[in-house]
C-alpha atoms as a PDB file:
ATOM      1  CA  MET A   1      77.062  66.560  90.436  1.00  0.00           C
ATOM      2  CA  SER A   2      75.263  69.841  90.972  1.00  0.00           C
ATOM      3  CA  ASP A   3      72.356  70.695  88.681  1.00  0.00           C
ATOM      4  CA  VAL A   4      73.206  74.412  88.920  1.00  0.00           C
ATOM      5  CA  VAL A   5      74.133  75.793  85.512  1.00  0.00           C
ATOM      6  CA  GLN A   6      77.623  77.262  85.646  1.00  0.00           C
ATOM      7  CA  PRO A   7      78.070  80.714  84.092  1.00  0.00           C
ATOM      8  CA  THR A   8      79.990  80.841  80.857  1.00  0.00           C
ATOM      9  CA  ALA A   9      83.291  82.614  80.364  1.00  0.00           C
ATOM     10  CA  ALA A  10      81.456  85.156  78.224  1.00  0.00           C
ATOM     11  CA  GLU A  11      79.021  85.913  81.049  1.00  0.00           C
ATOM     12  CA  VAL A  12      81.865  86.442  83.488  1.00  0.00           C
ATOM     13  CA  ARG A  13      83.627  88.730  81.007  1.00  0.00           C
ATOM     14  CA  ALA A  14      80.415  90.715  80.465  1.00  0.00           C
ATOM     15  CA  ALA A  15      80.035  91.173  84.232  1.00  0.00           C
ATOM     16  CA  ALA A  16      83.641  92.373  84.445  1.00  0.00           C
ATOM     17  CA  ASP A  17      83.011  94.891  81.666  1.00  0.00           C
ATOM     18  CA  ALA A  18      79.843  96.091  83.432  1.00  0.00           C
ATOM     19  CA  LEU A  19      81.848  96.630  86.610  1.00  0.00           C
ATOM     20  CA  LYS A  20      84.471  98.642  84.727  1.00  0.00           C
ATOM     21  CA  GLU A  21      81.748 100.850  83.254  1.00  0.00           C
ATOM     22  CA  ALA A  22      80.169 101.323  86.697  1.00  0.00           C
ATOM     23  CA  ILE A  23      83.554 102.363  88.110  1.00  0.00           C
ATOM     24  CA  ASP A  24      83.923 104.913  85.301  1.00  0.00           C
ATOM     25  CA  ARG A  25      80.428 106.312  85.987  1.00  0.00           C
ATOM     26  CA  HIS A  26      81.168 106.587  89.696  1.00  0.00           C
ATOM     27  CA  LEU A  27      84.427 108.457  89.066  1.00  0.00           C
ATOM     28  CA  ALA A  28      82.740 110.706  86.501  1.00  0.00           C
ATOM     29  CA  ALA A  29      80.024 111.644  89.017  1.00  0.00           C
ATOM     30  CA  ILE A  30      82.678 112.507  91.603  1.00  0.00           C
ATOM     31  CA  GLU A  31      84.639 114.575  89.073  1.00  0.00           C
ATOM     32  CA  ARG A  32      81.502 116.479  88.010  1.00  0.00           C
ATOM     33  CA  ARG A  33      80.744 117.333  91.623  1.00  0.00           C
ATOM     34  CA  ALA A  34      84.321 118.423  92.276  1.00  0.00           C
ATOM     35  CA  ALA A  35      84.362 120.599  89.152  1.00  0.00           C
ATOM     36  CA  THR A  36      81.131 122.397  90.092  1.00  0.00           C
ATOM     37  CA  PRO A  37      81.623 125.024  92.814  1.00  0.00           C
ATOM     38  CA  GLY A  38      78.719 124.983  95.240  1.00  0.00           C
ATOM     39  CA  ALA A  39      77.408 121.642  94.006  1.00  0.00           C
ATOM     40  CA  GLY A  40      74.444 120.753  96.192  1.00  0.00           C
ATOM     41  CA  PRO A  41      72.443 117.689  97.218  1.00  0.00           C
ATOM     42  CA  GLU A  42      71.759 116.709  93.579  1.00  0.00           C
ATOM     43  CA  ALA A  43      75.477 116.165  92.968  1.00  0.00           C
ATOM     44  CA  ASP A  44      75.775 114.168  96.211  1.00  0.00           C
ATOM     45  CA  ALA A  45      72.772 112.069  95.175  1.00  0.00           C
ATOM     46  CA  ALA A  46      74.359 111.366  91.764  1.00  0.00           C
ATOM     47  CA  VAL A  47      77.557 110.151  93.434  1.00  0.00           C
ATOM     48  CA  PHE A  48      75.549 108.016  95.855  1.00  0.00           C
ATOM     49  CA  ALA A  49      73.523 106.467  93.012  1.00  0.00           C
ATOM     50  CA  ALA A  50      76.700 105.702  91.055  1.00  0.00           C
ATOM     51  CA  PHE A  51      78.191 104.168  94.207  1.00  0.00           C
ATOM     52  CA  ASN A  52      75.206 101.834  94.550  1.00  0.00           C
ATOM     53  CA  GLU A  53      75.406 100.853  90.874  1.00  0.00           C
ATOM     54  CA  MET A  54      79.100 100.095  91.247  1.00  0.00           C
ATOM     55  CA  ALA A  55      78.435  98.029  94.383  1.00  0.00           C
ATOM     56  CA  ALA A  56      75.737  96.015  92.600  1.00  0.00           C
ATOM     57  CA  ALA A  57      77.960  95.444  89.563  1.00  0.00           C
ATOM     58  CA  GLY A  58      80.819  94.344  91.822  1.00  0.00           C
ATOM     59  CA  GLU A  59      78.608  91.893  93.672  1.00  0.00           C
ATOM     60  CA  ALA A  60      77.292  90.420  90.398  1.00  0.00           C
ATOM     61  CA  TYR A  61      80.811  89.982  89.048  1.00  0.00           C
ATOM     62  CA  ASP A  62      82.042  88.466  92.294  1.00  0.00           C
ATOM     63  CA  GLU A  63      79.253  85.883  92.298  1.00  0.00           C
ATOM     64  CA  LEU A  64      79.804  84.879  88.667  1.00  0.00           C
ATOM     65  CA  LEU A  65      83.566  84.706  89.180  1.00  0.00           C
ATOM     66  CA  TYR A  66      83.110  82.394  92.139  1.00  0.00           C
ATOM     67  CA  ASP A  67      80.550  80.183  90.383  1.00  0.00           C
ATOM     68  CA  ALA A  68      82.661  79.836  87.243  1.00  0.00           C
ATOM     69  CA  TYR A  69      86.188  79.694  88.630  1.00  0.00           C
ATOM     70  CA  ASP A  70      85.891  79.320  92.411  1.00  0.00           C
ATOM     71  CA  GLU A  71      87.696  82.671  92.776  1.00  0.00           C
ATOM     72  CA  VAL A  72      86.742  85.880  94.544  1.00  0.00           C
ATOM     73  CA  THR A  73      87.636  89.547  94.201  1.00  0.00           C
ATOM     74  CA  PRO A  74      89.638  91.461  96.831  1.00  0.00           C
ATOM     75  CA  PHE A  75      86.908  94.076  97.070  1.00  0.00           C
ATOM     76  CA  GLU A  76      84.177  94.275  99.666  1.00  0.00           C
ATOM     77  CA  VAL A  77      81.576  97.012 100.063  1.00  0.00           C
ATOM     78  CA  PRO A  78      81.170  97.447 103.836  1.00  0.00           C
ATOM     79  CA  GLU A  79      77.721  97.687 105.333  1.00  0.00           C
ATOM     80  CA  THR A  80      77.045 101.125 106.743  1.00  0.00           C
ATOM     81  CA  ASP A  81      76.193 101.389 110.414  1.00  0.00           C
ATOM     82  CA  GLY A  82      73.628 104.069 111.055  1.00  0.00           C
ATOM     83  CA  GLY A  83      73.004 102.911 114.618  1.00  0.00           C
ATOM     84  CA  ALA A  84      69.585 101.466 113.789  1.00  0.00           C
ATOM     85  CA  VAL A  85      67.970  99.029 111.369  1.00  0.00           C
ATOM     86  CA  TYR A  86      66.796 100.808 108.224  1.00  0.00           C
ATOM     87  CA  ALA A  87      63.009 100.832 108.042  1.00  0.00           C
ATOM     88  CA  GLY A  88      62.377 103.271 105.196  1.00  0.00           C
ATOM     89  CA  PRO A  89      61.017 102.652 101.690  1.00  0.00           C
ATOM     90  CA  GLU A  90      62.894 100.245  99.420  1.00  0.00           C
ATOM     91  CA  GLU A  91      62.909 102.763  96.552  1.00  0.00           C
ATOM     92  CA  PRO A  92      63.196 106.236  98.114  1.00  0.00           C
ATOM     93  CA  GLU A  93      62.070 109.242  96.096  1.00  0.00           C
ATOM     94  CA  ALA A  94      63.274 112.029  98.391  1.00  0.00           C
ATOM     95  CA  LEU A  95      66.569 112.338 100.260  1.00  0.00           C
ATOM     96  CA  SER A  96      68.025 114.596 102.933  1.00  0.00           C
ATOM     97  CA  VAL A  97      71.780 114.876 103.520  1.00  0.00           C
ATOM     98  CA  PHE A  98      72.910 115.872 107.016  1.00  0.00           C
ATOM     99  CA  ILE A  99      76.523 116.974 107.328  1.00  0.00           C
ATOM    100  CA  ARG A 100      78.545 117.996 110.346  1.00  0.00           C
ATOM    101  CA  ARG A 101      82.218 118.988 110.261  1.00  0.00           C
ATOM    102  CA  ASP A 102      84.109 120.182 113.323  1.00  0.00           C
ATOM    103  CA  TYR A 103      87.106 122.515 113.212  1.00  0.00           C
ATOM    104  CA  THR A 104      89.543 124.035 115.675  1.00  0.00           C
ATOM    105  CA  LEU A 105      90.563 127.623 115.068  1.00  0.00           C
ATOM    106  CA  VAL A 106      94.368 127.450 115.341  1.00  0.00           C
ATOM    107  CA  GLU A 107      95.433 130.606 113.473  1.00  0.00           C
ATOM    108  CA  PRO A 108      92.966 133.491 114.008  1.00  0.00           C
ATOM    109  CA  ARG A 109      95.195 135.973 112.170  1.00  0.00           C
ATOM    110  CA  ARG A 110      95.260 133.784 109.069  1.00  0.00           C
ATOM    111  CA  LEU A 111      91.477 133.460 109.218  1.00  0.00           C
ATOM    112  CA  ILE A 112      91.012 137.216 109.482  1.00  0.00           C
ATOM    113  CA  ALA A 113      93.552 137.914 106.723  1.00  0.00           C
ATOM    114  CA  GLN A 114      91.757 135.580 104.319  1.00  0.00           C
ATOM    115  CA  ALA A 115      88.399 137.126 105.156  1.00  0.00           C
ATOM    116  CA  ARG A 116      89.809 140.617 104.599  1.00  0.00           C
ATOM    117  CA  ARG A 117      90.913 139.624 101.087  1.00  0.00           C
ATOM    118  CA  VAL A 118      87.362 138.518 100.320  1.00  0.00           C
ATOM    119  CA  ALA A 119      85.958 141.730 101.785  1.00  0.00           C
ATOM    120  CA  ASP A 120      88.337 143.794  99.648  1.00  0.00           C
ATOM    121  CA  LEU A 121      87.068 142.037  96.538  1.00  0.00           C
ATOM    122  CA  ASP A 122      83.413 142.203  97.558  1.00  0.00           C
ATOM    123  CA  PRO A 123      82.210 145.589  98.837  1.00  0.00           C
ATOM    124  CA  GLU A 124      79.019 143.962 100.156  1.00  0.00           C
ATOM    125  CA  ALA A 125      80.921 141.525 102.385  1.00  0.00           C
ATOM    126  CA  SER A 126      80.884 142.079 106.131  1.00  0.00           C
ATOM    127  CA  GLU A 127      83.613 144.292 107.593  1.00  0.00           C
ATOM    128  CA  VAL A 128      86.595 142.536 109.086  1.00  0.00           C
ATOM    129  CA  GLY A 129      88.615 144.589 111.559  1.00  0.00           C
ATOM    130  CA  GLU A 130      92.347 144.500 112.184  1.00  0.00           C
ATOM    131  CA  PRO A 131      93.000 141.803 114.828  1.00  0.00           C
ATOM    132  CA  ASP A 132      95.414 144.047 116.762  1.00  0.00           C
ATOM    133  CA  ARG A 133      93.196 147.123 116.621  1.00  0.00           C
ATOM    134  CA  ASP A 134      89.831 145.690 117.493  1.00  0.00           C
ATOM    135  CA  GLU A 135      88.741 146.231 121.060  1.00  0.00           C
ATOM    136  CA  ALA A 136      87.243 142.755 120.957  1.00  0.00           C
ATOM    137  CA  ALA A 137      89.310 140.261 118.983  1.00  0.00           C
ATOM    138  CA  GLY A 138      86.464 137.751 119.236  1.00  0.00           C
ATOM    139  CA  ARG A 139      84.248 140.098 117.247  1.00  0.00           C
ATOM    140  CA  ALA A 140      86.827 140.206 114.436  1.00  0.00           C
ATOM    141  CA  VAL A 141      86.918 136.406 114.360  1.00  0.00           C
ATOM    142  CA  GLN A 142      83.132 136.217 114.245  1.00  0.00           C
ATOM    143  CA  ASN A 143      83.051 138.661 111.337  1.00  0.00           C
ATOM    144  CA  ALA A 144      85.771 136.726 109.537  1.00  0.00           C
ATOM    145  CA  LEU A 145      83.922 133.425 109.915  1.00  0.00           C
ATOM    146  CA  GLY A 146      80.757 135.036 108.590  1.00  0.00           C
ATOM    147  CA  VAL A 147      82.589 136.380 105.547  1.00  0.00           C
ATOM    148  CA  LEU A 148      84.370 133.128 104.675  1.00  0.00           C
ATOM    149  CA  PHE A 149      81.438 130.788 105.207  1.00  0.00           C
ATOM    150  CA  GLY A 150      79.264 133.207 103.283  1.00  0.00           C
ATOM    151  CA  GLU A 151      81.705 133.278 100.372  1.00  0.00           C
ATOM    152  CA  TYR A 152      82.750 129.620 100.139  1.00  0.00           C
ATOM    153  CA  ASP A 153      80.649 126.484 100.233  1.00  0.00           C
ATOM    154  CA  PRO A 154      81.363 123.985 103.046  1.00  0.00           C
ATOM    155  CA  ASP A 155      83.155 121.544 100.726  1.00  0.00           C
ATOM    156  CA  GLU A 156      85.633 124.222  99.658  1.00  0.00           C
ATOM    157  CA  ILE A 157      86.177 125.230 103.287  1.00  0.00           C
ATOM    158  CA  ALA A 158      86.926 121.576 104.063  1.00  0.00           C
ATOM    159  CA  THR A 159      89.373 121.319 101.172  1.00  0.00           C
ATOM    160  CA  ARG A 160      91.168 124.583 101.997  1.00  0.00           C
ATOM    161  CA  HIS A 161      90.800 124.594 105.785  1.00  0.00           C
ATOM    162  CA  LYS A 162      94.526 125.102 106.412  1.00  0.00           C
ATOM    163  CA  GLU A 163      94.466 128.298 104.329  1.00  0.00           C
ATOM    164  CA  PHE A 164      91.813 129.642 106.677  1.00  0.00           C
ATOM    165  CA  GLY A 165      93.699 128.812 109.875  1.00  0.00           C
ATOM    166  CA  LEU A 166      91.464 125.862 110.722  1.00  0.00           C
ATOM    167  CA  GLU A 167      92.275 122.339 111.833  1.00  0.00           C
ATOM    168  CA  GLU A 168      89.904 119.506 110.985  1.00  0.00           C
ATOM    169  CA  GLY A 169      88.120 117.539 113.687  1.00  0.00           C
ATOM    170  CA  ASP A 170      85.507 114.807 113.402  1.00  0.00           C
ATOM    171  CA  ALA A 171      83.064 114.777 110.507  1.00  0.00           C
ATOM    172  CA  THR A 172      79.943 112.817 109.643  1.00  0.00           C
ATOM    173  CA  LEU A 173      77.550 112.616 106.703  1.00  0.00           C
ATOM    174  CA  TRP A 174      74.111 111.032 106.955  1.00  0.00           C
ATOM    175  CA  VAL A 175      71.863 110.275 103.985  1.00  0.00           C
ATOM    176  CA  THR A 176      68.246 109.845 105.050  1.00  0.00           C
ATOM    177  CA  VAL A 177      65.094 109.148 103.055  1.00  0.00           C
ATOM    178  CA  ALA A 178      61.786 110.976 103.189  1.00  0.00           C
ATOM    179  CA  ASP A 179      58.329 110.050 101.963  1.00  0.00           C
ATOM    180  CA  GLU A 180      58.133 113.160  99.795  1.00  0.00           C
ATOM    181  CA  PRO A 181      60.126 116.350  99.158  1.00  0.00           C
ATOM    182  CA  ALA A 182      59.802 118.967 101.883  1.00  0.00           C
ATOM    183  CA  GLU A 183      57.887 122.159 101.242  1.00  0.00           C
ATOM    184  CA  PRO A 184      60.036 125.293 100.732  1.00  0.00           C
ATOM    185  CA  GLY A 185      61.062 126.682 104.114  1.00  0.00           C
ATOM    186  CA  GLU A 186      59.454 123.790 105.999  1.00  0.00           C
ATOM    187  CA  TRP A 187      62.478 122.717 108.052  1.00  0.00           C
ATOM    188  CA  LEU A 188      64.724 125.778 108.002  1.00  0.00           C
ATOM    189  CA  SER A 189      63.928 126.782 111.591  1.00  0.00           C
ATOM    190  CA  ALA A 190      65.256 123.470 112.939  1.00  0.00           C
ATOM    191  CA  PRO A 191      67.197 121.762 110.113  1.00  0.00           C
ATOM    192  CA  PHE A 192      68.667 118.863 112.120  1.00  0.00           C
ATOM    193  CA  ASP A 193      65.680 117.893 114.249  1.00  0.00           C
ATOM    194  CA  ALA A 194      64.138 115.632 111.610  1.00  0.00           C
ATOM    195  CA  VAL A 195      66.702 112.814 111.622  1.00  0.00           C
ATOM    196  CA  ASP A 196      64.958 109.460 112.049  1.00  0.00           C
ATOM    197  CA  PRO A 197      67.599 106.771 112.797  1.00  0.00           C
ATOM    198  CA  GLU A 198      65.460 104.154 111.078  1.00  0.00           C
ATOM    199  CA  ARG A 199      65.546 106.159 107.835  1.00  0.00           C
ATOM    200  CA  VAL A 200      69.316 106.597 107.655  1.00  0.00           C
ATOM    201  CA  ILE A 201      70.293 104.708 104.522  1.00  0.00           C
ATOM    202  CA  CYS A 202      73.982 105.616 104.596  1.00  0.00           C
ATOM    203  CA  ARG A 203      76.339 107.082 107.184  1.00  0.00           C
ATOM    204  CA  LEU A 204      79.997 108.008 106.705  1.00  0.00           C
ATOM    205  CA  ASP A 205      82.104 109.001 109.726  1.00  0.00           C
ATOM    206  CA  ILE A 206      85.612 110.467 109.757  1.00  0.00           C
ATOM    207  CA  SER A 207      87.555 110.645 113.014  1.00  0.00           C
ATOM    208  CA  GLU A 208      91.120 110.344 114.212  1.00  0.00           C
ATOM    209  CA  ALA A 209      89.713 108.058 116.905  1.00  0.00           C
ATOM    210  CA  PHE A 210      89.408 105.326 114.267  1.00  0.00           C
ATOM    211  CA  GLU A 211      93.084 105.708 113.357  1.00  0.00           C
ATOM    212  CA  GLU A 212      94.029 105.522 117.030  1.00  0.00           C
ATOM    213  CA  ASP A 213      92.012 102.316 117.396  1.00  0.00           C
ATOM    214  CA  ASP A 214      93.848 100.848 114.393  1.00  0.00           C
ATOM    215  CA  LEU A 215      97.201 101.812 115.893  1.00  0.00           C
ATOM    216  CA  ASP A 216      96.257 100.281 119.250  1.00  0.00           C
ATOM    217  CA  GLY A 217      95.341  97.060 117.491  1.00  0.00           C
ATOM    218  CA  ALA A 218      98.618  97.062 115.572  1.00  0.00           C
ATOM    219  CA  ASP A 219     100.565  97.589 118.820  1.00  0.00           C
ATOM    220  CA  GLU A 220      98.780  94.644 120.389  1.00  0.00           C
ATOM    221  CA  LEU A 221      99.645  92.463 117.405  1.00  0.00           C
ATOM    222  CA  ASP A 222     103.283  93.572 117.557  1.00  0.00           C
ATOM    223  CA  GLY A 223     103.401  92.438 121.159  1.00  0.00           C
ATOM    224  CA  ILE A 224     102.338  88.903 120.259  1.00  0.00           C
ATOM    225  CA  GLY A 225     105.081  86.389 119.728  1.00  0.00           C
END
């Protein structure tokens, strides 16, 4: 017989309650970020911290559940693949969030119309010319993009991209750690040159290519038999 002390039912229940509370904190952090227009890196960091707490609580509950009842949960927190082995500090104090989102401009007139509405409300916004009167339609599009991305934060653009005549492409978010906070203006001239693959602690990719891979796999499975 094993000498390992089995967890009690009360300990398993306490771990389950801790997981529920961690889930609530994670959702609350997401809701706070969503309810705050222009929420910056601090809001992203709060969501990330709540995510880690929830993952740790889930792992603790899963282990106790298995030890006490030989059962497991259906949840698994996937390991993130940043393309390199993380070699940064165990307890980071400073973070940088690198985000890239690609779009295709599918409805230039819609884009320009939305920008014109903003310009009408804000006299200081850049001028947006009529698309059929401008000698250079490309210049009108450039002005419109400047107005919209100057008025709305990137998250709102992503949420409302169809309203602006845009179609989503691939997107990626990298969370990297730094030894100390950067000095004001230190990296503004080249904001994306400082990514060290060994300091990427979390990476989230969105691409239709993943969905296509899943469909290809499903087709292969359908052909078996």
